[in-house]
N, C-alpha and C. Protein backbone atom coordinates (compact mmCIF):
# COMPACT_ATOMS: atom_id res chain seq x y z
N MET A 1 -17.23 -7.00 13.20
CA MET A 1 -15.91 -6.35 12.30
C MET A 1 -15.15 -7.65 11.58
N GLY A 2 -14.83 -8.69 12.23
CA GLY A 2 -14.05 -9.46 11.87
C GLY A 2 -14.69 -10.14 10.39
N TRP A 3 -15.98 -9.97 10.36
CA TRP A 3 -16.64 -10.81 9.44
C TRP A 3 -16.53 -9.53 7.69
N ARG A 4 -16.66 -8.36 7.95
CA ARG A 4 -16.43 -7.19 7.37
C ARG A 4 -15.61 -7.53 6.45
N ARG A 5 -14.28 -7.73 7.65
CA ARG A 5 -12.62 -7.87 6.71
C ARG A 5 -12.78 -9.14 6.09
N LEU A 6 -13.41 -10.07 6.57
CA LEU A 6 -13.53 -11.51 5.83
C LEU A 6 -13.85 -11.28 4.22
N ILE A 7 -15.41 -10.90 3.67
CA ILE A 7 -15.35 -10.06 3.05
C ILE A 7 -15.22 -9.52 1.94
N PHE A 8 -14.47 -8.49 2.89
CA PHE A 8 -13.36 -7.57 2.13
C PHE A 8 -12.34 -8.25 1.15
N GLY A 9 -11.46 -9.17 1.86
CA GLY A 9 -10.67 -9.72 1.55
C GLY A 9 -11.13 -11.03 0.69
N LEU A 10 -12.57 -11.32 0.69
CA LEU A 10 -12.87 -12.64 -0.43
C LEU A 10 -12.83 -11.59 -2.03
N ALA A 11 -13.67 -10.15 -1.60
CA ALA A 11 -13.50 -9.57 -2.45
C ALA A 11 -12.62 -9.19 -3.45
N LEU A 12 -11.68 -9.16 -2.63
CA LEU A 12 -10.29 -8.74 -3.28
C LEU A 12 -9.89 -9.49 -4.46
N VAL A 13 -9.82 -10.99 -3.42
CA VAL A 13 -9.52 -12.51 -4.38
C VAL A 13 -10.51 -12.19 -5.86
N VAL A 14 -11.53 -12.43 -5.49
CA VAL A 14 -12.06 -12.64 -6.83
C VAL A 14 -12.33 -11.01 -8.02
N ALA A 15 -11.56 -10.02 -7.04
CA ALA A 15 -11.43 -8.65 -8.25
C ALA A 15 -10.07 -8.88 -8.53
N GLY A 16 -8.80 -10.36 -8.45
CA GLY A 16 -7.96 -10.66 -9.21
C GLY A 16 -6.99 -9.74 -8.00
N CYS A 17 -6.88 -9.56 -6.97
CA CYS A 17 -5.95 -8.60 -6.30
C CYS A 17 -5.26 -9.48 -5.58
N SER A 18 -4.03 -9.77 -4.71
CA SER A 18 -3.11 -10.04 -4.15
C SER A 18 -3.65 -10.80 -2.88
N ASP A 19 -3.55 -11.93 -2.54
CA ASP A 19 -4.08 -12.41 -1.25
C ASP A 19 -3.50 -12.10 0.20
N GLY A 20 -1.80 -11.83 -0.14
CA GLY A 20 -0.41 -11.66 1.03
C GLY A 20 0.51 -12.24 0.04
N SER A 21 0.29 -13.03 -0.76
CA SER A 21 1.43 -13.88 -0.79
C SER A 21 1.40 -12.68 -2.51
N PRO A 22 3.71 -13.01 -3.00
CA PRO A 22 3.24 -12.09 -4.45
C PRO A 22 2.05 -12.74 -5.47
N PRO A 23 1.88 -11.56 -6.34
CA PRO A 23 0.65 -12.33 -6.77
C PRO A 23 0.88 -13.07 -7.79
N ASP A 24 0.06 -13.69 -8.60
CA ASP A 24 0.18 -14.73 -9.92
C ASP A 24 -0.13 -14.12 -11.12
N GLY A 25 0.23 -14.51 -12.16
CA GLY A 25 -1.25 -14.39 -13.14
C GLY A 25 -0.74 -13.02 -13.75
N ASN A 26 -2.29 -12.30 -13.67
CA ASN A 26 -2.22 -10.92 -14.31
C ASN A 26 -2.96 -9.94 -13.19
N GLY A 27 -2.78 -10.47 -11.64
CA GLY A 27 -2.98 -9.16 -10.77
C GLY A 27 -4.69 -8.63 -10.93
N CYS A 28 -4.33 -7.17 -11.49
CA CYS A 28 -6.13 -6.81 -11.37
C CYS A 28 -6.08 -6.58 -13.25
N GLY A 29 -5.43 -6.59 -13.99
CA GLY A 29 -5.85 -5.91 -15.38
C GLY A 29 -5.22 -7.05 -16.52
N GLN A 30 -4.73 -6.43 -17.56
CA GLN A 30 -4.40 -6.92 -18.26
C GLN A 30 -2.45 -7.15 -18.44
N GLY A 31 -1.91 -8.26 -18.75
CA GLY A 31 -0.39 -8.42 -18.77
C GLY A 31 -0.26 -9.24 -17.61
N PRO A 32 1.15 -9.42 -17.12
CA PRO A 32 1.70 -10.50 -16.31
C PRO A 32 2.14 -9.53 -15.53
N GLY A 33 1.88 -8.02 -15.24
CA GLY A 33 2.45 -7.59 -14.00
C GLY A 33 1.90 -8.16 -12.43
N ARG A 34 3.07 -7.83 -11.21
CA ARG A 34 3.04 -8.49 -10.41
C ARG A 34 3.64 -7.34 -9.27
N VAL A 35 2.96 -6.99 -8.49
CA VAL A 35 3.37 -6.42 -7.05
C VAL A 35 3.11 -6.31 -6.10
N GLN A 36 3.54 -6.06 -5.03
CA GLN A 36 3.51 -6.70 -3.25
C GLN A 36 3.31 -5.37 -2.36
N VAL A 37 2.69 -4.63 -1.77
CA VAL A 37 2.69 -3.42 -0.95
C VAL A 37 3.18 -3.85 -0.06
N GLY A 38 3.83 -2.90 0.88
CA GLY A 38 4.48 -2.84 2.23
C GLY A 38 4.31 -1.83 2.94
N GLN A 39 5.45 -2.00 4.32
CA GLN A 39 5.58 -0.94 4.78
C GLN A 39 6.43 -0.53 4.53
N GLY A 40 7.00 0.82 4.40
CA GLY A 40 8.41 1.60 4.22
C GLY A 40 8.80 1.75 5.29
N GLY A 41 10.33 2.36 5.03
CA GLY A 41 11.48 2.80 5.98
C GLY A 41 12.73 2.69 5.90
N THR A 42 13.29 2.13 6.38
CA THR A 42 15.17 1.52 5.50
C THR A 42 15.09 0.57 4.46
N ARG A 43 14.09 -0.05 4.64
CA ARG A 43 13.93 -1.17 3.43
C ARG A 43 12.38 -1.57 3.20
N PHE A 44 12.00 -2.39 2.60
CA PHE A 44 10.64 -2.85 1.93
C PHE A 44 10.25 -3.40 3.41
N ARG A 45 8.97 -3.77 3.81
CA ARG A 45 8.72 -4.43 4.76
C ARG A 45 7.41 -5.62 4.09
N ASP A 46 7.58 -6.68 4.69
CA ASP A 46 6.21 -7.51 4.20
C ASP A 46 4.83 -6.55 5.16
N LEU A 47 4.11 -6.77 4.64
CA LEU A 47 2.87 -6.52 5.26
C LEU A 47 2.05 -8.05 5.35
N PRO A 48 1.20 -8.53 6.51
CA PRO A 48 0.81 -10.00 5.89
C PRO A 48 -0.82 -9.54 5.04
N ALA A 49 -1.37 -10.34 4.19
CA ALA A 49 -2.52 -9.82 3.58
C ALA A 49 -3.33 -8.90 5.07
N MET A 50 -3.49 -9.77 6.12
CA MET A 50 -4.69 -9.07 7.51
C MET A 50 -3.92 -9.18 8.31
N GLY A 51 -4.03 -8.05 9.61
CA GLY A 51 -3.39 -8.20 10.47
C GLY A 51 -2.01 -7.73 11.24
N GLY A 52 -1.44 -6.84 9.82
CA GLY A 52 -0.56 -6.16 9.75
C GLY A 52 -0.59 -4.89 10.47
N GLU A 53 0.40 -4.41 10.85
CA GLU A 53 0.57 -2.83 11.45
C GLU A 53 0.91 -1.70 10.62
N LEU A 54 0.65 -0.97 10.44
CA LEU A 54 1.44 0.21 10.01
C LEU A 54 1.36 1.91 10.63
N GLY A 55 2.68 2.26 11.21
CA GLY A 55 3.35 3.35 11.93
C GLY A 55 2.61 4.32 11.46
N ILE A 56 2.19 5.45 12.36
CA ILE A 56 1.88 6.60 11.72
C ILE A 56 3.57 7.28 11.94
N VAL A 57 3.76 8.14 11.67
CA VAL A 57 4.95 9.17 11.37
C VAL A 57 4.34 10.68 11.27
N ARG A 58 5.11 10.81 12.26
CA ARG A 58 5.40 12.71 12.70
C ARG A 58 6.04 13.66 11.61
N GLY A 59 5.51 14.17 10.50
CA GLY A 59 6.25 14.64 9.46
C GLY A 59 7.79 16.00 10.56
N SER A 60 8.08 16.18 9.36
CA SER A 60 9.04 17.27 9.62
C SER A 60 8.49 18.42 10.04
N GLN A 61 7.24 18.37 8.65
CA GLN A 61 6.67 20.11 8.90
C GLN A 61 5.27 20.14 9.30
N GLY A 62 5.36 19.13 10.71
CA GLY A 62 3.81 18.89 11.65
C GLY A 62 3.23 17.80 10.15
N GLY A 63 2.63 17.41 9.92
CA GLY A 63 1.80 16.60 9.11
C GLY A 63 2.38 14.67 9.68
N ILE A 64 1.03 14.42 9.62
CA ILE A 64 1.16 12.96 9.96
C ILE A 64 1.09 11.92 8.63
N HIS A 65 1.64 11.17 8.59
CA HIS A 65 1.30 10.16 7.62
C HIS A 65 2.12 9.01 7.75
N VAL A 66 2.06 7.45 7.21
CA VAL A 66 2.01 6.38 7.21
C VAL A 66 3.74 6.05 5.91
N LEU A 67 4.80 5.20 5.99
CA LEU A 67 5.86 4.98 5.29
C LEU A 67 4.98 3.97 4.51
N VAL A 68 5.22 3.84 3.06
CA VAL A 68 4.78 2.60 2.83
C VAL A 68 5.53 1.85 1.33
N ALA A 69 5.50 1.15 0.55
CA ALA A 69 6.60 0.96 0.11
C ALA A 69 5.77 -0.50 -1.29
N PHE A 70 6.86 -0.77 -2.36
CA PHE A 70 6.23 -1.94 -3.14
C PHE A 70 6.88 -2.89 -3.96
N ARG A 71 6.90 -4.26 -4.07
CA ARG A 71 8.18 -4.77 -4.91
C ARG A 71 7.06 -4.89 -6.16
N THR A 72 8.06 -5.01 -7.08
CA THR A 72 7.10 -5.47 -8.22
C THR A 72 8.25 -6.44 -9.43
N TRP A 73 7.61 -7.83 -9.98
CA TRP A 73 7.84 -8.12 -10.26
C TRP A 73 7.03 -8.36 -12.17
N ASP A 74 8.13 -8.45 -13.38
CA ASP A 74 7.50 -8.21 -14.24
C ASP A 74 6.39 -7.20 -15.18
N MET A 75 6.99 -6.31 -14.42
CA MET A 75 6.03 -5.18 -14.82
C MET A 75 6.87 -4.15 -15.73
N GLY A 76 8.05 -3.87 -15.79
CA GLY A 76 8.66 -2.61 -16.38
C GLY A 76 9.28 -1.43 -15.51
N LEU A 77 9.86 -1.00 -15.50
CA LEU A 77 10.04 0.50 -14.47
C LEU A 77 9.80 1.44 -14.79
N ILE A 78 8.83 1.24 -16.29
CA ILE A 78 8.10 2.95 -16.14
C ILE A 78 6.55 2.77 -16.02
N MET A 79 6.00 3.14 -15.11
CA MET A 79 4.83 2.87 -14.93
C MET A 79 4.22 4.24 -13.81
N ASP A 80 3.23 4.17 -13.79
CA ASP A 80 1.92 5.00 -12.95
C ASP A 80 1.54 4.07 -11.81
N VAL A 81 2.21 4.81 -10.24
CA VAL A 81 1.47 4.18 -9.22
C VAL A 81 0.28 5.00 -9.02
N VAL A 82 -0.07 4.36 -7.78
CA VAL A 82 -1.35 5.17 -6.81
C VAL A 82 -1.86 4.09 -5.43
N TYR A 83 -1.12 4.95 -4.73
CA TYR A 83 -1.50 4.35 -3.20
C TYR A 83 -2.52 4.67 -2.28
N ARG A 84 -3.86 4.27 -2.10
CA ARG A 84 -4.52 5.02 -1.58
C ARG A 84 -4.52 3.99 -0.12
N LEU A 85 -5.21 4.63 1.27
CA LEU A 85 -5.94 4.07 2.66
C LEU A 85 -6.97 4.09 2.74
N GLU A 86 -8.12 2.86 2.89
CA GLU A 86 -9.54 3.53 3.10
C GLU A 86 -10.02 2.36 4.33
N ASP A 87 -10.61 2.73 4.96
CA ASP A 87 -11.33 2.81 6.29
C ASP A 87 -11.61 1.02 5.86
N ALA A 88 -11.11 0.06 6.93
CA ALA A 88 -11.46 -1.26 6.83
C ALA A 88 -13.04 -1.55 6.75
N ASP A 89 -13.69 -0.84 7.47
CA ASP A 89 -15.08 -1.07 7.84
C ASP A 89 -16.11 -0.20 7.08
N THR A 90 -15.97 0.70 6.39
CA THR A 90 -16.51 1.55 5.42
C THR A 90 -16.12 1.61 4.06
N GLY A 91 -15.20 1.54 3.92
CA GLY A 91 -14.22 1.81 2.48
C GLY A 91 -14.27 3.37 1.89
N GLU A 92 -14.32 4.31 3.38
CA GLU A 92 -14.05 5.35 3.02
C GLU A 92 -13.11 5.99 3.51
N PRO A 93 -12.45 6.99 2.32
CA PRO A 93 -11.09 7.07 1.48
C PRO A 93 -10.15 7.86 3.51
N MET A 94 -9.01 7.49 3.62
CA MET A 94 -8.65 7.74 5.06
C MET A 94 -6.56 8.65 4.69
N GLY A 95 -6.89 9.72 4.90
CA GLY A 95 -5.56 10.54 4.17
C GLY A 95 -5.87 10.95 2.82
N LEU A 96 -4.62 11.47 2.28
CA LEU A 96 -4.85 11.61 0.75
C LEU A 96 -4.06 10.43 0.19
N THR A 97 -4.56 10.74 -0.90
CA THR A 97 -4.04 9.77 -2.59
C THR A 97 -2.35 9.93 -2.67
N THR A 98 -1.78 9.04 -3.07
CA THR A 98 -0.43 9.47 -3.34
C THR A 98 -0.45 8.75 -4.93
N GLU A 99 -0.06 9.52 -5.65
CA GLU A 99 0.14 9.51 -7.30
C GLU A 99 1.02 9.88 -7.43
N LEU A 100 2.10 8.52 -8.30
CA LEU A 100 3.46 9.04 -8.59
C LEU A 100 3.48 8.48 -9.63
N MET A 101 4.58 9.09 -10.91
CA MET A 101 4.77 8.88 -12.01
C MET A 101 6.71 8.10 -11.94
N LEU A 102 6.69 6.97 -12.12
CA LEU A 102 8.10 6.30 -11.94
C LEU A 102 8.54 5.72 -12.81
N ARG A 103 10.38 6.05 -12.96
CA ARG A 103 11.12 5.92 -14.11
C ARG A 103 12.24 4.61 -13.14
N PRO A 104 13.15 3.92 -14.46
CA PRO A 104 14.30 3.11 -13.38
C PRO A 104 14.66 3.60 -12.58
N GLY A 105 15.38 4.87 -12.56
CA GLY A 105 16.35 5.07 -11.78
C GLY A 105 15.48 5.68 -10.32
N LEU A 106 14.22 4.84 -9.95
CA LEU A 106 13.55 5.63 -8.80
C LEU A 106 13.66 3.98 -8.29
N PHE A 107 13.85 2.96 -8.54
CA PHE A 107 13.80 1.70 -7.63
C PHE A 107 15.37 0.94 -7.04
N GLY A 108 14.50 0.28 -6.36
CA GLY A 108 16.49 -0.23 -5.38
C GLY A 108 16.19 -2.11 -6.30
N ASN A 109 17.01 -3.02 -5.70
CA ASN A 109 16.78 -4.19 -5.91
C ASN A 109 17.16 -5.12 -4.83
N ASP A 110 16.48 -6.15 -4.42
CA ASP A 110 16.52 -6.85 -3.56
C ASP A 110 17.19 -8.13 -4.01
N GLY A 111 17.43 -8.33 -5.04
CA GLY A 111 18.07 -9.73 -6.18
C GLY A 111 16.67 -10.93 -6.64
N VAL A 112 15.02 -10.41 -6.07
CA VAL A 112 14.28 -11.23 -6.73
C VAL A 112 13.01 -10.14 -7.16
N SER A 113 13.20 -8.80 -6.75
CA SER A 113 12.66 -8.00 -7.12
C SER A 113 12.87 -6.86 -7.51
N ALA A 114 12.68 -5.46 -7.99
CA ALA A 114 12.82 -4.13 -7.93
C ALA A 114 11.53 -3.59 -7.00
N VAL A 115 12.22 -3.00 -6.41
CA VAL A 115 11.92 -2.60 -4.82
C VAL A 115 11.58 -0.76 -4.68
N ARG A 116 10.54 -0.49 -4.78
CA ARG A 116 9.86 1.04 -4.61
C ARG A 116 10.08 1.87 -2.93
N ASN A 117 10.84 2.05 -2.62
CA ASN A 117 11.03 2.47 -1.28
C ASN A 117 12.35 3.62 -1.04
N PRO A 118 11.21 4.63 0.28
CA PRO A 118 9.78 4.15 0.62
C PRO A 118 9.29 5.57 0.18
N ASP A 119 7.23 5.95 0.47
CA ASP A 119 6.53 6.76 -0.23
C ASP A 119 6.34 6.95 1.34
N LEU A 120 5.33 8.03 1.04
CA LEU A 120 4.65 8.82 2.07
C LEU A 120 2.97 8.93 1.45
N LEU A 121 2.12 8.27 2.19
CA LEU A 121 0.71 8.52 2.12
C LEU A 121 0.34 9.33 3.56
N ILE A 122 0.04 10.95 2.87
CA ILE A 122 -0.69 11.25 3.93
C ILE A 122 -1.87 11.15 4.75
N LEU A 123 -1.86 11.15 6.09
CA LEU A 123 -3.10 10.80 6.62
C LEU A 123 -3.43 12.74 6.82
N ASP A 124 -3.17 13.30 7.57
CA ASP A 124 -3.35 14.42 7.79
C ASP A 124 -2.42 15.33 8.07
N ASN A 125 -2.70 16.86 6.72
CA ASN A 125 -1.43 17.78 6.98
C ASN A 125 -1.71 19.32 7.42
N GLU A 126 -3.50 19.05 7.30
CA GLU A 126 -4.48 20.52 7.67
C GLU A 126 -4.43 20.72 9.38
N ALA A 127 -4.90 19.43 9.80
CA ALA A 127 -5.03 19.47 11.45
C ALA A 127 -4.43 17.76 12.08
N PRO A 128 -3.43 17.79 12.02
CA PRO A 128 -3.13 16.64 11.94
C PRO A 128 -3.22 16.17 13.62
N SER A 129 -4.21 15.06 13.61
CA SER A 129 -4.51 14.74 15.10
C SER A 129 -4.39 12.94 14.36
N ILE A 130 -3.27 12.69 15.90
CA ILE A 130 -3.07 11.08 15.56
C ILE A 130 -3.91 10.67 16.05
N ASP A 131 -4.75 10.72 17.07
CA ASP A 131 -5.79 10.14 17.95
C ASP A 131 -7.07 9.80 16.59
N ARG A 132 -7.13 11.19 15.52
CA ARG A 132 -8.19 10.31 14.57
C ARG A 132 -7.82 8.79 13.60
N PHE A 133 -6.63 8.50 13.72
CA PHE A 133 -6.26 7.37 13.42
C PHE A 133 -5.67 6.92 13.60
N ALA A 134 -5.38 6.27 14.83
CA ALA A 134 -4.79 5.59 15.67
C ALA A 134 -5.55 4.53 16.43
N ARG A 135 -5.39 3.03 16.35
CA ARG A 135 -6.03 1.68 15.91
C ARG A 135 -6.39 1.94 15.09
N ARG A 136 -7.31 2.35 14.01
CA ARG A 136 -8.08 1.97 13.06
C ARG A 136 -7.42 1.25 12.29
N SER A 137 -8.54 0.66 11.96
CA SER A 137 -8.21 -0.57 11.01
C SER A 137 -8.01 0.08 9.68
N ALA A 138 -7.26 -0.47 8.76
CA ALA A 138 -7.34 0.40 7.24
C ALA A 138 -6.92 -0.79 6.52
N ARG A 139 -7.30 -0.74 4.83
CA ARG A 139 -6.58 -1.17 4.20
C ARG A 139 -5.84 -0.60 2.86
N LEU A 140 -4.43 -0.53 2.92
CA LEU A 140 -3.66 0.08 2.47
C LEU A 140 -3.79 -1.12 0.77
N VAL A 141 -3.63 -0.07 -0.25
CA VAL A 141 -3.71 -0.33 -1.80
C VAL A 141 -3.21 0.05 -2.61
N LEU A 142 -2.09 -0.33 -3.97
CA LEU A 142 -1.54 -0.05 -4.56
C LEU A 142 -2.45 -0.55 -6.17
N ASP A 143 -2.40 0.65 -6.97
CA ASP A 143 -2.91 0.35 -8.30
C ASP A 143 -1.11 0.72 -8.85
N ALA A 144 -0.88 0.14 -10.02
CA ALA A 144 0.10 0.06 -10.79
C ALA A 144 -0.03 -0.67 -12.50
N VAL A 145 0.31 0.83 -13.33
CA VAL A 145 -0.17 0.28 -14.57
C VAL A 145 1.68 0.80 -15.01
N GLY A 146 1.60 -0.43 -15.95
CA GLY A 146 2.93 0.28 -17.13
C GLY A 146 3.44 -1.11 -17.29
N GLY A 147 4.48 -0.97 -18.41
CA GLY A 147 4.88 -2.10 -19.63
C GLY A 147 3.75 -3.31 -19.91
N GLY A 148 2.68 -2.17 -20.08
CA GLY A 148 1.37 -2.75 -20.90
C GLY A 148 0.62 -3.91 -19.86
N SER A 149 1.21 -3.39 -18.51
CA SER A 149 0.09 -4.55 -17.54
C SER A 149 -0.57 -3.55 -16.34
N HIS A 150 -1.24 -4.42 -16.08
CA HIS A 150 -2.29 -3.28 -14.56
C HIS A 150 -1.92 -4.47 -13.49
N ALA A 151 -1.91 -4.12 -12.38
CA ALA A 151 -1.77 -4.68 -10.99
C ALA A 151 -2.07 -4.44 -9.97
N CYS A 152 -2.28 -4.86 -9.13
CA CYS A 152 -2.75 -4.33 -7.79
C CYS A 152 -2.46 -4.92 -6.86
N ASP A 153 -2.43 -4.72 -5.25
CA ASP A 153 -2.28 -5.04 -3.92
C ASP A 153 -2.99 -4.80 -2.84
N ALA A 154 -3.71 -4.97 -1.71
CA ALA A 154 -4.43 -4.60 -0.95
C ALA A 154 -4.14 -5.31 0.23
N ARG A 155 -3.50 -4.79 1.70
CA ARG A 155 -3.78 -4.99 2.67
C ARG A 155 -4.19 -4.56 3.62
N PHE A 156 -4.84 -5.16 4.57
CA PHE A 156 -5.69 -4.95 5.63
C PHE A 156 -4.61 -4.81 7.05
N ALA A 157 -4.81 -3.62 7.43
CA ALA A 157 -3.31 -3.25 8.75
C ALA A 157 -3.97 -2.23 9.94
N THR A 158 -3.57 -2.80 10.86
CA THR A 158 -3.95 -1.49 11.83
C THR A 158 -3.28 -0.17 11.88
N LEU A 159 -3.44 0.90 12.30
CA LEU A 159 -2.52 2.50 12.47
C LEU A 159 -2.02 2.14 13.54
N VAL A 160 -0.53 2.08 13.95
CA VAL A 160 -0.57 2.63 15.23
C VAL A 160 0.04 3.63 15.70
N PRO A 161 -0.04 4.28 17.04
CA PRO A 161 0.43 5.54 16.78
C PRO A 161 2.10 5.34 16.94
N PRO A 162 2.87 6.33 16.76
CA PRO A 162 4.22 6.76 17.34
C PRO A 162 4.88 6.47 18.70
N PRO A 163 6.30 5.82 18.75
CA PRO A 163 6.13 5.99 20.63
C PRO A 163 5.91 7.45 20.90
N GLU A 164 5.98 7.66 22.20
CA GLU A 164 6.45 8.97 22.88
C GLU A 164 7.52 8.74 23.80
């Protein structure tokens, strides 16, 4: 399993996605855009490139999800964003893809970058079972297109169940 993560991480670097620090240069596509995906909540929280944790949250309507966030540099604040979660070993989707169309009023500022926090990435709305997701290794991916740029970032994290 460790070798698979290493191969995925190397594939990200070759593909132009971030290796954990704020991306330099063109990100995944054309233009100067840079993004960093992280954990959401009361504030943006960094996730290491590998080995972080994403907490599973029980929603008020019975579903389960994770709170995600991102920061951006040089992208402009009008953009289309896609978050997705994949099984780190198989690449299979975990939960639903979240797609957002963002405008300037939907970002905060941390003094260095524009921050979007929090967003929900739904794991399961129909038959929520935390046990299906808890302690699984996942790849959290963010793709952003805006201001003539395309940037992405990905992090490997373990999904952890909520405290009981």
